[in-house]
Amino acid sequence: MSGPDGLAAVIGGVHERFPGHRFRPLGEVDAHHDVLRFTWELVPEGGEESVVIGTDVLALTEDGQVGGISGFFDKVPAA
C-alpha cells in the first residue's frame, strides 16, 4: 500500500501496538528545498518517558504533496 492510505495504515498499526500513546514532535522541522526532516517521539498519554523516538525525511512533489518518506528509529523498545 502506498500514498495517504499507506501512511494511515502505518500510523494505525503503531496505535494498535501502543494503545494510549500519541506522537509528539521533538524540535523544529528542518527544510531544504523540497525535503523536510523532523524528529518525533511516541509517548504515553500521561506524558511519561517516550517509548519510541524516530526521525523522518519527507520529500515533496512539485505540487507540494508528499512524494516519499524515509524513517529512522533512534530509540525502540527492548524486545
N, C-alpha and C. Protein backbone atom coordinates (compact mmCIF):
# COMPACT_ATOMS: atom_id res chain seq x y z
N MET A 1 0.85 -1.17 0.00
CA MET A 1 0.00 0.00 0.00
C MET A 1 0.90 1.24 0.00
N SER A 2 0.46 2.26 -0.68
CA SER A 2 1.25 3.49 -0.73
C SER A 2 0.31 4.69 -0.64
N GLY A 3 0.88 5.89 -0.68
CA GLY A 3 0.09 7.11 -0.64
C GLY A 3 -0.49 7.36 0.75
N PRO A 4 -1.50 8.22 0.80
CA PRO A 4 -2.10 8.56 2.10
C PRO A 4 -2.64 7.33 2.84
N ASP A 5 -3.19 6.36 2.10
CA ASP A 5 -3.70 5.15 2.74
C ASP A 5 -2.58 4.35 3.38
N GLY A 6 -1.43 4.29 2.72
CA GLY A 6 -0.28 3.58 3.28
C GLY A 6 0.23 4.23 4.54
N LEU A 7 0.33 5.55 4.53
CA LEU A 7 0.78 6.29 5.71
C LEU A 7 -0.21 6.10 6.86
N ALA A 8 -1.50 6.19 6.56
CA ALA A 8 -2.52 6.00 7.59
C ALA A 8 -2.45 4.58 8.17
N ALA A 9 -2.15 3.59 7.33
CA ALA A 9 -2.04 2.20 7.80
C ALA A 9 -0.85 2.04 8.75
N VAL A 10 0.27 2.67 8.44
CA VAL A 10 1.44 2.60 9.32
C VAL A 10 1.13 3.24 10.67
N ILE A 11 0.55 4.42 10.65
CA ILE A 11 0.21 5.11 11.90
C ILE A 11 -0.83 4.31 12.68
N GLY A 12 -1.81 3.74 11.99
CA GLY A 12 -2.81 2.91 12.65
C GLY A 12 -2.20 1.69 13.30
N GLY A 13 -1.20 1.07 12.63
CA GLY A 13 -0.51 -0.08 13.20
C GLY A 13 0.24 0.28 14.48
N VAL A 14 0.83 1.46 14.50
CA VAL A 14 1.53 1.91 15.71
C VAL A 14 0.53 2.09 16.85
N HIS A 15 -0.61 2.70 16.56
CA HIS A 15 -1.62 2.90 17.60
C HIS A 15 -2.19 1.57 18.11
N GLU A 16 -2.28 0.57 17.24
CA GLU A 16 -2.74 -0.75 17.68
C GLU A 16 -1.72 -1.40 18.61
N ARG A 17 -0.44 -1.26 18.27
CA ARG A 17 0.62 -1.87 19.09
C ARG A 17 0.84 -1.12 20.40
N PHE A 18 0.64 0.19 20.38
CA PHE A 18 0.85 1.03 21.56
C PHE A 18 -0.41 1.83 21.88
N PRO A 19 -1.48 1.15 22.34
CA PRO A 19 -2.71 1.89 22.67
C PRO A 19 -2.44 2.86 23.83
N GLY A 20 -3.12 4.00 23.78
CA GLY A 20 -2.94 5.00 24.82
C GLY A 20 -1.69 5.85 24.66
N HIS A 21 -1.06 5.78 23.50
CA HIS A 21 0.13 6.58 23.21
C HIS A 21 -0.18 7.57 22.09
N ARG A 22 0.63 8.61 22.01
CA ARG A 22 0.45 9.61 20.95
C ARG A 22 1.81 10.05 20.44
N PHE A 23 1.82 10.53 19.21
CA PHE A 23 3.03 11.10 18.62
C PHE A 23 3.18 12.53 19.09
N ARG A 24 4.42 12.93 19.35
CA ARG A 24 4.71 14.30 19.76
C ARG A 24 5.98 14.74 19.03
N PRO A 25 5.97 15.93 18.41
CA PRO A 25 7.17 16.40 17.72
C PRO A 25 8.28 16.74 18.70
N LEU A 26 9.51 16.53 18.27
CA LEU A 26 10.70 16.92 19.04
C LEU A 26 11.47 17.94 18.20
N GLY A 27 11.58 19.14 18.67
CA GLY A 27 12.34 20.15 17.95
C GLY A 27 11.59 20.71 16.76
N GLU A 28 12.34 21.39 15.94
CA GLU A 28 11.80 22.07 14.76
C GLU A 28 11.95 21.20 13.52
N VAL A 29 11.19 21.51 12.49
CA VAL A 29 11.30 20.85 11.20
C VAL A 29 12.42 21.53 10.42
N ASP A 30 13.35 20.74 9.90
CA ASP A 30 14.40 21.26 9.02
C ASP A 30 13.91 21.13 7.58
N ALA A 31 14.08 22.17 6.79
CA ALA A 31 13.65 22.15 5.40
C ALA A 31 14.79 22.58 4.49
N HIS A 32 14.90 21.90 3.36
CA HIS A 32 15.87 22.27 2.33
C HIS A 32 15.23 21.98 0.99
N HIS A 33 14.86 23.03 0.28
CA HIS A 33 14.13 22.92 -0.99
C HIS A 33 12.88 22.06 -0.80
N ASP A 34 12.84 20.86 -1.38
CA ASP A 34 11.63 20.03 -1.31
C ASP A 34 11.80 18.85 -0.36
N VAL A 35 12.73 18.96 0.60
CA VAL A 35 12.97 17.88 1.56
C VAL A 35 12.79 18.43 2.98
N LEU A 36 12.06 17.67 3.79
CA LEU A 36 11.83 18.03 5.19
C LEU A 36 12.38 16.94 6.09
N ARG A 37 12.93 17.32 7.23
CA ARG A 37 13.41 16.36 8.23
C ARG A 37 12.83 16.76 9.57
N PHE A 38 12.27 15.78 10.28
CA PHE A 38 11.71 16.07 11.59
C PHE A 38 11.85 14.86 12.50
N THR A 39 11.94 15.14 13.79
CA THR A 39 12.07 14.10 14.80
C THR A 39 10.81 14.10 15.65
N TRP A 40 10.40 12.93 16.07
CA TRP A 40 9.18 12.76 16.84
C TRP A 40 9.41 11.71 17.92
N GLU A 41 8.49 11.66 18.87
CA GLU A 41 8.53 10.61 19.88
C GLU A 41 7.12 10.08 20.10
N LEU A 42 7.04 8.84 20.54
CA LEU A 42 5.78 8.21 20.88
C LEU A 42 5.73 8.11 22.40
N VAL A 43 4.76 8.80 23.00
CA VAL A 43 4.70 8.90 24.46
C VAL A 43 3.34 8.42 24.97
N PRO A 44 3.30 7.90 26.20
CA PRO A 44 2.00 7.57 26.80
C PRO A 44 1.20 8.85 27.00
N GLU A 45 -0.12 8.72 26.99
CA GLU A 45 -1.00 9.88 27.18
C GLU A 45 -0.68 10.63 28.46
N GLY A 46 -0.16 9.95 29.50
CA GLY A 46 0.18 10.61 30.75
C GLY A 46 1.43 11.45 30.67
N GLY A 47 2.13 11.42 29.53
CA GLY A 47 3.30 12.26 29.34
C GLY A 47 4.59 11.70 29.91
N GLU A 48 4.63 10.39 30.17
CA GLU A 48 5.84 9.79 30.72
C GLU A 48 6.93 9.71 29.65
N GLU A 49 8.00 8.98 29.95
CA GLU A 49 9.12 8.85 29.02
C GLU A 49 8.69 8.21 27.71
N SER A 50 9.28 8.67 26.62
CA SER A 50 8.96 8.13 25.30
C SER A 50 9.34 6.66 25.21
N VAL A 51 8.55 5.91 24.42
CA VAL A 51 8.87 4.50 24.18
C VAL A 51 9.55 4.32 22.83
N VAL A 52 9.31 5.25 21.90
CA VAL A 52 9.94 5.22 20.59
C VAL A 52 10.29 6.65 20.22
N ILE A 53 11.46 6.82 19.61
CA ILE A 53 11.86 8.11 19.03
C ILE A 53 12.30 7.83 17.60
N GLY A 54 11.88 8.68 16.69
CA GLY A 54 12.25 8.48 15.29
C GLY A 54 12.51 9.79 14.58
N THR A 55 13.20 9.68 13.46
CA THR A 55 13.44 10.82 12.58
C THR A 55 12.97 10.43 11.20
N ASP A 56 12.16 11.27 10.59
CA ASP A 56 11.64 11.02 9.25
C ASP A 56 12.16 12.07 8.29
N VAL A 57 12.40 11.63 7.07
CA VAL A 57 12.80 12.52 5.98
C VAL A 57 11.71 12.41 4.92
N LEU A 58 11.13 13.54 4.58
CA LEU A 58 9.97 13.57 3.70
C LEU A 58 10.31 14.38 2.45
N ALA A 59 10.03 13.83 1.28
CA ALA A 59 10.25 14.52 0.02
C ALA A 59 8.91 14.98 -0.54
N LEU A 60 8.85 16.23 -0.97
CA LEU A 60 7.63 16.78 -1.54
C LEU A 60 7.69 16.74 -3.06
N THR A 61 6.53 16.59 -3.68
CA THR A 61 6.43 16.68 -5.13
C THR A 61 6.39 18.15 -5.53
N GLU A 62 6.42 18.41 -6.83
CA GLU A 62 6.39 19.80 -7.32
C GLU A 62 5.14 20.55 -6.88
N ASP A 63 4.03 19.81 -6.68
CA ASP A 63 2.79 20.48 -6.27
C ASP A 63 2.59 20.47 -4.76
N GLY A 64 3.66 20.13 -3.99
CA GLY A 64 3.61 20.23 -2.54
C GLY A 64 3.02 19.02 -1.82
N GLN A 65 2.77 17.95 -2.55
CA GLN A 65 2.25 16.72 -1.93
C GLN A 65 3.41 15.85 -1.44
N VAL A 66 3.12 14.93 -0.55
CA VAL A 66 4.15 14.01 -0.07
C VAL A 66 4.51 13.04 -1.19
N GLY A 67 5.78 13.03 -1.56
CA GLY A 67 6.25 12.14 -2.61
C GLY A 67 6.87 10.88 -2.06
N GLY A 68 7.39 10.93 -0.85
CA GLY A 68 8.01 9.77 -0.23
C GLY A 68 8.48 10.10 1.17
N ILE A 69 8.56 9.06 2.01
CA ILE A 69 9.01 9.21 3.38
C ILE A 69 10.00 8.10 3.69
N SER A 70 11.12 8.48 4.29
CA SER A 70 12.07 7.50 4.84
C SER A 70 12.14 7.73 6.33
N GLY A 71 12.01 6.66 7.10
CA GLY A 71 12.00 6.78 8.55
C GLY A 71 13.16 6.05 9.19
N PHE A 72 13.65 6.62 10.27
CA PHE A 72 14.76 6.03 11.03
C PHE A 72 14.38 6.02 12.50
N PHE A 73 14.61 4.90 13.17
CA PHE A 73 14.33 4.80 14.61
C PHE A 73 15.59 5.13 15.39
N ASP A 74 15.45 6.06 16.33
CA ASP A 74 16.56 6.44 17.20
C ASP A 74 16.47 5.73 18.53
N LYS A 75 15.26 5.32 18.91
CA LYS A 75 15.04 4.60 20.16
C LYS A 75 13.86 3.65 19.93
N VAL A 76 14.04 2.39 20.28
CA VAL A 76 12.96 1.40 20.16
C VAL A 76 12.85 0.62 21.47
N PRO A 77 11.68 0.07 21.74
CA PRO A 77 11.52 -0.71 22.97
C PRO A 77 12.36 -1.99 22.92
N ALA A 78 12.78 -2.45 24.09
CA ALA A 78 13.51 -3.71 24.15
C ALA A 78 12.58 -4.83 23.71
N ALA A 79 13.15 -5.81 23.05
CA ALA A 79 12.34 -6.92 22.51
C ALA A 79 11.76 -7.81 23.55
